[in-house]
C-alpha atoms as a PDB file:
ATOM      1  CA  MET A   1      -0.028  -0.068   0.117  1.00  0.00           C
ATOM      2  CA  PHE A   2       1.146   3.514  -1.007  1.00  0.00           C
ATOM      3  CA  ILE A   3       1.337   5.837   1.965  1.00  0.00           C
ATOM      4  CA  LEU A   4       1.695   9.525   1.013  1.00  0.00           C
ATOM      5  CA  ASP A   5       4.663  10.843   2.826  1.00  0.00           C
ATOM      6  CA  PHE A   6       5.302  14.537   3.308  1.00  0.00           C
ATOM      7  CA  SER A   7       8.693  14.526   1.386  1.00  0.00           C
ATOM      8  CA  TRP A   8       6.039  14.079  -1.486  1.00  0.00           C
ATOM      9  CA  ILE A   9       4.670  17.172  -0.895  1.00  0.00           C
ATOM     10  CA  LEU A  10       7.800  19.009  -0.306  1.00  0.00           C
ATOM     11  CA  ALA A  11       8.991  17.562  -3.756  1.00  0.00           C
ATOM     12  CA  LEU A  12       6.015  18.566  -5.727  1.00  0.00           C
ATOM     13  CA  PHE A  13       6.673  21.960  -4.085  1.00  0.00           C
ATOM     14  CA  ALA A  14      10.195  22.121  -4.984  1.00  0.00           C
ATOM     15  CA  LEU A  15       8.774  21.281  -8.814  1.00  0.00           C
ATOM     16  CA  ILE A  16       6.260  23.781  -9.039  1.00  0.00           C
ATOM     17  CA  ASN A  17       8.944  26.346  -7.557  1.00  0.00           C
ATOM     18  CA  ILE A  18      11.492  25.644 -10.260  1.00  0.00           C
ATOM     19  CA  ILE A  19       8.627  25.910 -13.091  1.00  0.00           C
ATOM     20  CA  SER A  20       7.534  29.140 -11.590  1.00  0.00           C
ATOM     21  CA  PHE A  21      11.405  30.339 -11.418  1.00  0.00           C
ATOM     22  CA  GLY A  22      11.824  28.909 -15.302  1.00  0.00           C
ATOM     23  CA  LEU A  23       8.871  30.855 -16.307  1.00  0.00           C
ATOM     24  CA  THR A  24      10.088  34.249 -14.769  1.00  0.00           C
ATOM     25  CA  ILE A  25      13.454  34.019 -16.134  1.00  0.00           C
ATOM     26  CA  ALA A  26      11.627  33.068 -19.626  1.00  0.00           C
ATOM     27  CA  ASP A  27       9.735  36.217 -19.469  1.00  0.00           C
ATOM     28  CA  LYS A  28      12.589  38.408 -18.615  1.00  0.00           C
ATOM     29  CA  LYS A  29      14.736  36.875 -22.028  1.00  0.00           C
ATOM     30  CA  LYS A  30      11.562  37.541 -23.979  1.00  0.00           C
ATOM     31  CA  SER A  31      11.063  41.328 -22.630  1.00  0.00           C
ATOM     32  CA  ILE A  32      14.960  41.843 -23.388  1.00  0.00           C
ATOM     33  CA  ASN A  33      14.209  40.582 -27.165  1.00  0.00           C
ATOM     34  CA  GLN A  34      11.088  42.009 -27.508  1.00  0.00           C
ATOM     35  CA  ASP A  35       9.506  38.576 -28.107  1.00  0.00           C
ATOM     36  CA  LYS A  36       5.851  37.830 -27.065  1.00  0.00           C
ATOM     37  CA  ARG A  37       5.802  37.745 -23.327  1.00  0.00           C
ATOM     38  CA  ILE A  38       4.246  35.439 -20.902  1.00  0.00           C
ATOM     39  CA  ARG A  39       1.067  37.078 -19.393  1.00  0.00           C
ATOM     40  CA  GLU A  40       1.469  38.943 -15.805  1.00  0.00           C
ATOM     41  CA  SER A  41      -1.593  37.086 -14.775  1.00  0.00           C
ATOM     42  CA  TYR A  42      -0.027  33.626 -15.486  1.00  0.00           C
ATOM     43  CA  LEU A  43       3.004  34.468 -13.379  1.00  0.00           C
ATOM     44  CA  LEU A  44       1.156  35.168 -10.322  1.00  0.00           C
ATOM     45  CA  PHE A  45      -1.038  32.328 -10.988  1.00  0.00           C
ATOM     46  CA  TRP A  46       2.016  30.228 -10.508  1.00  0.00           C
ATOM     47  CA  ALA A  47       3.040  32.324  -7.760  1.00  0.00           C
ATOM     48  CA  ILE A  48      -0.140  31.504  -5.965  1.00  0.00           C
ATOM     49  CA  ALA A  49      -0.350  28.167  -6.865  1.00  0.00           C
ATOM     50  CA  PHE A  50       2.747  27.427  -4.409  1.00  0.00           C
ATOM     51  CA  GLY A  51       5.365  28.652  -6.645  1.00  0.00           C
ATOM     52  CA  ALA A  52       5.719  32.014  -5.310  1.00  0.00           C
ATOM     53  CA  ALA A  53       9.522  31.461  -3.772  1.00  0.00           C
ATOM     54  CA  GLY A  54      10.479  30.542  -7.422  1.00  0.00           C
ATOM     55  CA  VAL A  55       9.074  33.718  -8.737  1.00  0.00           C
ATOM     56  CA  MET A  56      10.315  35.827  -6.175  1.00  0.00           C
ATOM     57  CA  ILE A  57      14.005  34.387  -6.589  1.00  0.00           C
ATOM     58  CA  ALA A  58      13.858  35.124 -10.242  1.00  0.00           C
ATOM     59  CA  MET A  59      12.271  38.633  -9.428  1.00  0.00           C
ATOM     60  CA  PHE A  60      15.123  39.705  -7.721  1.00  0.00           C
ATOM     61  CA  LEU A  61      17.912  37.704  -9.313  1.00  0.00           C
ATOM     62  CA  VAL A  62      17.056  39.384 -12.806  1.00  0.00           C
ATOM     63  CA  ARG A  63      15.237  42.321 -11.552  1.00  0.00           C
ATOM     64  CA  HIS A  64      12.156  41.678 -13.542  1.00  0.00           C
ATOM     65  CA  LYS A  65       9.111  42.902 -12.319  1.00  0.00           C
ATOM     66  CA  THR A  66      10.015  44.411  -9.030  1.00  0.00           C
ATOM     67  CA  LEU A  67       8.512  47.641  -9.779  1.00  0.00           C
ATOM     68  CA  LYS A  68       4.990  46.278 -10.490  1.00  0.00           C
ATOM     69  CA  TRP A  69       2.816  46.639  -7.524  1.00  0.00           C
ATOM     70  CA  PRO A  70       1.196  43.386  -7.981  1.00  0.00           C
ATOM     71  CA  PHE A  71       4.436  41.595  -7.732  1.00  0.00           C
ATOM     72  CA  PHE A  72       6.167  43.754  -5.461  1.00  0.00           C
ATOM     73  CA  PHE A  73       3.128  43.335  -2.844  1.00  0.00           C
ATOM     74  CA  GLY A  74       1.510  40.056  -4.244  1.00  0.00           C
ATOM     75  CA  VAL A  75       4.436  37.724  -4.519  1.00  0.00           C
ATOM     76  CA  PRO A  76       5.494  38.133  -0.783  1.00  0.00           C
ATOM     77  CA  LEU A  77       1.904  37.675   0.175  1.00  0.00           C
ATOM     78  CA  ALA A  78       1.982  34.523  -1.936  1.00  0.00           C
ATOM     79  CA  LEU A  79       4.476  33.110  -0.431  1.00  0.00           C
ATOM     80  CA  ILE A  80       3.347  33.584   3.215  1.00  0.00           C
ATOM     81  CA  GLN A  81       0.013  31.827   1.922  1.00  0.00           C
ATOM     82  CA  ASN A  82       2.220  28.951   0.459  1.00  0.00           C
ATOM     83  CA  LEU A  83       4.297  28.341   3.434  1.00  0.00           C
ATOM     84  CA  LEU A  84       1.085  29.140   5.970  1.00  0.00           C
ATOM     85  CA  VAL A  85      -0.594  25.822   3.712  1.00  0.00           C
ATOM     86  CA  LEU A  86       2.316  23.636   3.771  1.00  0.00           C
ATOM     87  CA  TRP A  87       2.503  24.255   7.294  1.00  0.00           C
ATOM     88  CA  LEU A  88      -1.153  23.311   7.953  1.00  0.00           C
ATOM     89  CA  LEU A  89      -0.758  20.108   5.774  1.00  0.00           C
ATOM     90  CA  TYR A  90       1.870  19.143   7.926  1.00  0.00           C
ATOM     91  CA  ILE A  91       0.369  19.631  11.299  1.00  0.00           C
ATOM     92  CA  ASN A  92      -3.012  18.097  10.236  1.00  0.00           C
ATOM     93  CA  PHE A  93      -1.958  15.147   8.220  1.00  0.00           C
ATOM     94  CA  PHE A  94       1.548  14.537   9.227  1.00  0.00           C
ATOM     95  CA  VAL A  95       1.944  14.813  12.920  1.00  0.00           C
END
């Protein structure tokens, strides 16, 4: 029988953050080359869907969208939400 372990949830969390990091970096490269950009709403969706750490790291690593209000305030709030949900999952199902 397969038993869900918290390490699987952390691995999924890491994968989502790697994807969101890559999307933010890709949008920065597209902005430099004047290519078709990734929508801001799509990047914010990935931040809310447990990828806020990846978006935030990419934002400050390549200085992308750091002056936009939804990103400056929204991504840190999404990070708090992400960590709070992880903590609640751990407390309610794995302790």
